[in-house]
Amino acid sequence: MSQKTFFITGANSGFGLAIATAASNQGHTVVGTVRSEASRASLAERLPAVRSVLCDVTEFDRIPDVVEQVERDHGPVDVLINNAGYGHEGILEESPLEEMRRQFDVNVFGAVAVAKAFLPRFRKRRRGFIVNVTSMGGMITMPGIAYYCGSKFALQGISEVMRAEMAPFGVHVTTLCPGSFRTDWAGRSMIRTERSIADYDALFDPIRAARQEKSGKQLGDPAKLAAAVLRLIVSDDPPPQLLLGSDALKLVSDRIERLQQEIETWKSVTVSTDG
């Protein structure tokens, strides 16, 4: 692989750190965003070759200036890994709208703001690769993560449009849809709404307990995900979305099968509305 310059949001933990590590180890130039000086120091200690920049993706107005400075200091970016994000867990009725707003600010608006800072640069250069990290939760749902799934479904749809709009300019866009991996997503990074309505106990308490018990023991290996990303970005024909993890494969495949059955069952009603 020819040497490339990566811009990775949320590079100090989880998938961001894994991809930064793999890319740096292969000799690529890596610029990673962090949100605090403490995170910056931690990243520098673990990955001295990675350049870091302070950037909160919810500070939308700052992002174009950050990107301009990065390209001035390190040259044109070839690959954007839009990774910054977090999980929210909570029953919909119990979860305040403010928590939904914050979830969308980071997972959707932040990712789109970063992408938009790069789109004119990639378009003018007629090259570039955008990897928007969504989730299998952008293609399936489960009780207790409505805000998270909503944010990932939104980014999934926006990414598909972005892909179509950028394709004429030689710019690739792929969403990364991981299943359960050994990151902090279900641990310290997750925001959990306090329980308040007993009617939901039977449905949700076992789900929350199972997720907490499984945290850190998931099947998915972040280092193997990073290796898959490095294979992805050299593809001449990358997919619109890339599922990663056997659980993602099974759950998404099951949903597609159910959807096909539902379409067939209701087909006569569907076509009955044509005038």
Protein backbone atom coordinates (compact mmCIF):
# COMPACT_ATOMS: atom_id res chain seq x y z
CA MET A 1 0.00 0.00 0.00
CA SER A 2 1.29 3.47 -0.86
CA GLN A 3 1.81 5.72 2.12
CA LYS A 4 -1.29 7.73 3.05
CA THR A 5 -2.30 10.41 5.50
CA PHE A 6 -5.14 9.47 7.85
CA PHE A 7 -7.36 11.82 9.85
CA ILE A 8 -9.05 9.84 12.65
CA THR A 9 -11.59 11.32 15.02
CA GLY A 10 -11.69 9.91 18.55
CA ALA A 11 -8.21 8.43 18.13
CA ASN A 12 -7.42 7.91 21.80
CA SER A 13 -9.64 4.89 22.46
CA GLY A 14 -11.67 2.09 20.92
CA PHE A 15 -11.73 1.67 17.17
CA GLY A 16 -9.99 5.01 16.65
CA LEU A 17 -6.98 3.91 18.67
CA ALA A 18 -6.90 0.49 16.99
CA ILE A 19 -6.96 1.99 13.49
CA ALA A 20 -4.40 4.65 14.43
CA THR A 21 -2.12 1.93 15.77
CA ALA A 22 -2.41 -0.26 12.68
CA ALA A 23 -1.97 2.62 10.23
CA SER A 24 0.98 4.05 12.13
CA ASN A 25 2.64 0.64 12.32
CA GLN A 26 2.42 0.41 8.53
CA GLY A 27 4.21 3.72 8.16
CA HIS A 28 1.24 5.91 7.32
CA THR A 29 0.96 9.46 8.62
CA VAL A 30 -1.79 9.57 11.24
CA VAL A 31 -3.45 12.65 12.67
CA GLY A 32 -5.87 11.87 15.48
CA THR A 33 -8.36 14.10 17.26
CA VAL A 34 -8.66 14.12 21.05
CA ARG A 35 -10.87 16.19 23.33
CA SER A 36 -8.52 16.98 26.20
CA GLU A 37 -4.88 17.53 27.03
CA ALA A 38 -4.99 14.43 29.22
CA SER A 39 -6.13 12.33 26.26
CA ARG A 40 -3.48 13.97 24.12
CA ALA A 41 -0.75 13.01 26.59
CA SER A 42 -2.08 9.47 26.83
CA LEU A 43 -2.13 9.08 23.03
CA ALA A 44 1.39 10.49 22.73
CA GLU A 45 2.64 7.98 25.28
CA ARG A 46 1.05 5.01 23.53
CA LEU A 47 1.62 6.12 19.92
CA PRO A 48 4.45 8.65 19.73
CA ALA A 49 4.35 8.72 15.91
CA VAL A 50 0.71 9.83 15.80
CA ARG A 51 0.10 13.56 15.55
CA SER A 52 -2.75 14.71 17.75
CA VAL A 53 -5.04 17.72 17.52
CA LEU A 54 -7.55 19.02 20.05
CA CYS A 55 -10.99 18.85 18.46
CA ASP A 56 -14.44 18.28 19.92
CA VAL A 57 -16.61 17.25 16.97
CA THR A 58 -19.58 19.10 18.48
CA GLU A 59 -17.74 22.42 18.10
CA PHE A 60 -18.99 22.56 14.54
CA ASP A 61 -17.71 26.02 13.66
CA ARG A 62 -14.13 25.11 14.62
CA ILE A 63 -13.84 22.02 12.46
CA PRO A 64 -13.03 23.67 9.09
CA ASP A 65 -10.17 25.62 10.71
CA VAL A 66 -8.85 22.44 12.36
CA VAL A 67 -8.86 20.61 9.03
CA GLU A 68 -7.20 23.50 7.24
CA GLN A 69 -4.44 23.62 9.85
CA VAL A 70 -3.92 19.85 9.70
CA GLU A 71 -3.49 19.90 5.93
CA ARG A 72 -1.18 22.90 6.20
CA ASP A 73 0.98 21.10 8.75
CA HIS A 74 0.87 17.53 7.43
CA GLY A 75 -0.17 17.72 3.79
CA PRO A 76 -3.32 16.51 2.05
CA VAL A 77 -5.39 13.96 3.94
CA ASP A 78 -6.17 10.79 1.97
CA VAL A 79 -8.40 8.92 4.40
CA LEU A 80 -10.96 10.26 6.87
CA ILE A 81 -11.99 7.83 9.59
CA ASN A 82 -15.11 9.37 11.15
CA ASN A 83 -14.99 7.38 14.37
CA ALA A 84 -15.87 9.73 17.26
CA GLY A 85 -19.07 8.65 18.94
CA TYR A 86 -20.57 7.00 21.99
CA GLY A 87 -23.51 4.84 23.02
CA HIS A 88 -26.63 5.84 24.92
CA GLU A 89 -28.68 3.20 26.67
CA GLY A 90 -32.14 3.82 28.06
CA ILE A 91 -35.81 3.00 27.58
CA LEU A 92 -37.28 5.58 25.20
CA GLU A 93 -40.06 6.71 27.55
CA GLU A 94 -37.55 7.18 30.37
CA SER A 95 -34.83 8.97 28.38
CA PRO A 96 -34.83 12.80 28.29
CA LEU A 97 -34.79 14.50 24.91
CA GLU A 98 -31.62 16.32 25.97
CA GLU A 99 -29.83 12.95 25.92
CA MET A 100 -31.09 12.32 22.40
CA ARG A 101 -29.87 15.76 21.30
CA ARG A 102 -26.41 15.09 22.69
CA GLN A 103 -26.33 11.64 21.06
CA PHE A 104 -27.17 13.13 17.66
CA ASP A 105 -24.79 16.07 18.11
CA VAL A 106 -21.85 13.70 18.48
CA ASN A 107 -22.82 10.70 16.35
CA VAL A 108 -24.55 12.50 13.48
CA PHE A 109 -23.92 16.24 13.36
CA GLY A 110 -20.30 15.86 14.46
CA ALA A 111 -19.56 13.19 11.87
CA VAL A 112 -21.28 15.16 9.12
CA ALA A 113 -19.49 18.38 10.09
CA VAL A 114 -16.11 16.66 9.85
CA ALA A 115 -17.00 15.05 6.53
CA LYS A 116 -18.21 18.37 5.13
CA ALA A 117 -14.87 19.96 6.00
CA PHE A 118 -13.15 17.37 3.80
CA LEU A 119 -15.66 17.07 0.94
CA PRO A 120 -14.50 20.16 -1.02
CA ARG A 121 -10.85 19.14 -0.59
CA PHE A 122 -11.44 15.57 -1.73
CA ARG A 123 -13.66 16.74 -4.59
CA LYS A 124 -11.08 19.21 -5.90
CA ARG A 125 -8.30 16.62 -5.63
CA ARG A 126 -10.54 13.97 -7.27
CA ARG A 127 -9.55 11.42 -4.66
CA GLY A 128 -10.12 10.52 -1.04
CA PHE A 129 -11.77 7.89 1.15
CA ILE A 130 -14.33 8.54 3.88
CA VAL A 131 -15.07 5.78 6.37
CA ASN A 132 -18.04 6.66 8.55
CA VAL A 133 -18.19 4.35 11.55
CA THR A 134 -21.81 3.44 12.18
CA SER A 135 -22.76 0.09 13.74
CA MET A 136 -24.84 -2.96 13.18
CA GLY A 137 -27.17 -0.73 15.24
CA GLY A 138 -27.51 1.38 12.09
CA MET A 139 -29.14 -1.58 10.33
CA ILE A 140 -30.92 -3.41 13.17
CA THR A 141 -32.54 -2.32 16.42
CA MET A 142 -33.02 -3.67 19.91
CA PRO A 143 -34.88 -2.40 23.00
CA GLY A 144 -33.06 0.15 25.11
CA ILE A 145 -30.85 1.87 22.55
CA ALA A 146 -33.36 3.92 20.56
CA TYR A 147 -31.28 7.11 20.54
CA TYR A 148 -28.12 5.24 19.57
CA CYS A 149 -29.78 3.25 16.79
CA GLY A 150 -31.54 6.39 15.58
CA SER A 151 -28.24 8.22 15.32
CA LYS A 152 -26.55 5.37 13.48
CA PHE A 153 -29.50 4.85 11.10
CA ALA A 154 -29.27 8.58 10.33
CA LEU A 155 -25.55 8.45 9.61
CA GLN A 156 -26.05 5.30 7.54
CA GLY A 157 -28.57 7.05 5.29
CA ILE A 158 -26.54 10.25 5.01
CA SER A 159 -23.46 8.21 4.11
CA GLU A 160 -25.27 6.44 1.26
CA VAL A 161 -26.23 9.80 -0.23
CA MET A 162 -22.70 11.13 0.35
CA ARG A 163 -21.34 8.10 -1.49
CA ALA A 164 -23.56 8.73 -4.52
CA GLU A 165 -22.75 12.44 -4.61
CA MET A 166 -18.99 11.95 -4.31
CA ALA A 167 -18.61 8.97 -6.64
CA PRO A 168 -18.29 11.13 -9.82
CA PHE A 169 -15.20 12.76 -8.26
CA GLY A 170 -13.35 9.53 -7.46
CA VAL A 171 -14.08 9.79 -3.73
CA HIS A 172 -15.09 6.61 -1.91
CA VAL A 173 -17.51 6.54 1.02
CA THR A 174 -18.11 3.39 3.08
CA THR A 175 -19.89 2.89 6.38
CA LEU A 176 -18.25 0.53 8.85
CA CYS A 177 -20.92 -1.50 10.67
CA PRO A 178 -19.32 -3.40 13.56
CA GLY A 179 -21.07 -5.85 15.81
CA SER A 180 -19.95 -6.35 19.41
CA PHE A 181 -16.24 -5.67 19.94
CA ARG A 182 -13.99 -5.45 22.97
CA THR A 183 -14.04 -1.66 23.31
CA ASP A 184 -15.36 0.70 25.98
CA TRP A 185 -18.66 1.18 24.10
CA ALA A 186 -20.69 -0.79 26.64
CA GLY A 187 -18.46 0.20 29.54
CA ARG A 188 -17.18 3.60 30.62
CA SER A 189 -18.10 5.27 27.31
CA MET A 190 -21.81 4.46 27.50
CA ILE A 191 -24.29 6.96 28.92
CA ARG A 192 -27.05 5.12 30.78
CA THR A 193 -30.37 6.67 31.69
CA GLU A 194 -31.58 5.78 35.18
CA ARG A 195 -34.51 3.40 35.37
CA SER A 196 -37.79 4.89 36.60
CA ILE A 197 -40.76 2.91 35.20
CA ALA A 198 -41.29 -0.57 36.65
CA ASP A 199 -43.42 -1.72 33.71
CA TYR A 200 -40.25 -2.06 31.64
CA ASP A 201 -38.30 -4.12 34.19
CA ALA A 202 -39.10 -7.53 32.70
CA LEU A 203 -38.17 -6.43 29.19
CA PHE A 204 -35.12 -4.33 29.80
CA ASP A 205 -33.37 -5.26 33.04
CA PRO A 206 -32.07 -8.57 31.62
CA ILE A 207 -30.81 -6.76 28.49
CA ARG A 208 -28.93 -4.16 30.53
CA ALA A 209 -27.47 -6.79 32.86
CA ALA A 210 -26.34 -9.00 29.96
CA ARG A 211 -24.70 -6.06 28.18
CA GLN A 212 -22.79 -5.02 31.29
CA GLU A 213 -21.72 -8.60 32.03
CA LYS A 214 -20.50 -9.09 28.45
CA SER A 215 -18.55 -5.82 28.32
CA GLY A 216 -14.88 -6.53 27.69
CA LYS A 217 -15.59 -10.13 26.71
CA GLN A 218 -17.13 -9.56 23.28
CA LEU A 219 -16.04 -11.76 20.38
CA GLY A 220 -14.83 -8.88 18.20
CA ASP A 221 -11.12 -7.98 18.24
CA PRO A 222 -10.48 -4.24 17.56
CA ALA A 223 -7.03 -5.02 16.11
CA LYS A 224 -8.64 -7.30 13.52
CA LEU A 225 -11.18 -4.58 12.71
CA ALA A 226 -8.29 -2.18 12.13
CA ALA A 227 -6.64 -4.68 9.78
CA ALA A 228 -9.92 -4.97 7.87
CA VAL A 229 -10.10 -1.17 7.52
CA LEU A 230 -6.60 -1.08 6.04
CA ARG A 231 -7.69 -3.69 3.50
CA LEU A 232 -10.85 -1.74 2.76
CA ILE A 233 -9.16 1.53 1.88
CA VAL A 234 -7.02 0.00 -0.87
CA SER A 235 -10.04 -1.50 -2.61
CA ASP A 236 -10.88 -0.12 -6.04
CA ASP A 237 -14.53 -1.05 -5.51
CA PRO A 238 -15.32 -0.69 -1.79
CA PRO A 239 -18.84 -1.58 -0.60
CA PRO A 240 -21.43 0.98 0.55
CA GLN A 241 -21.27 -0.68 3.98
CA LEU A 242 -19.00 -3.27 5.51
CA LEU A 243 -20.34 -5.51 8.27
CA LEU A 244 -17.70 -6.63 10.75
CA GLY A 245 -18.27 -9.47 13.18
CA SER A 246 -20.20 -12.73 12.96
CA ASP A 247 -22.94 -11.32 15.21
CA ALA A 248 -23.45 -8.38 12.85
CA LEU A 249 -23.65 -10.78 9.91
CA LYS A 250 -26.27 -12.95 11.59
CA LEU A 251 -28.45 -10.19 13.02
CA VAL A 252 -28.48 -8.08 9.87
CA SER A 253 -29.10 -11.12 7.66
CA ASP A 254 -32.02 -12.14 9.90
CA ARG A 255 -33.49 -8.66 9.64
CA ILE A 256 -33.26 -8.69 5.84
CA GLU A 257 -35.06 -12.04 5.79
CA ARG A 258 -37.83 -10.72 8.06
CA LEU A 259 -38.15 -7.60 5.92
CA GLN A 260 -38.52 -9.66 2.75
CA GLN A 261 -41.23 -11.74 4.43
CA GLU A 262 -43.07 -8.62 5.59
CA ILE A 263 -42.94 -7.11 2.11
CA GLU A 264 -44.35 -10.28 0.59
CA THR A 265 -47.12 -10.59 3.22
CA TRP A 266 -48.29 -7.00 2.70
CA LYS A 267 -47.59 -6.75 -1.03
CA SER A 268 -51.24 -6.61 -2.06
CA VAL A 269 -51.85 -3.67 0.28
CA THR A 270 -48.64 -1.99 -0.88
CA VAL A 271 -49.63 -2.00 -4.56
CA SER A 272 -53.30 -1.22 -3.83
CA THR A 273 -52.52 2.48 -3.44
CA ASP A 274 -51.47 3.03 -7.05
CA GLY A 275 -54.08 5.17 -8.84
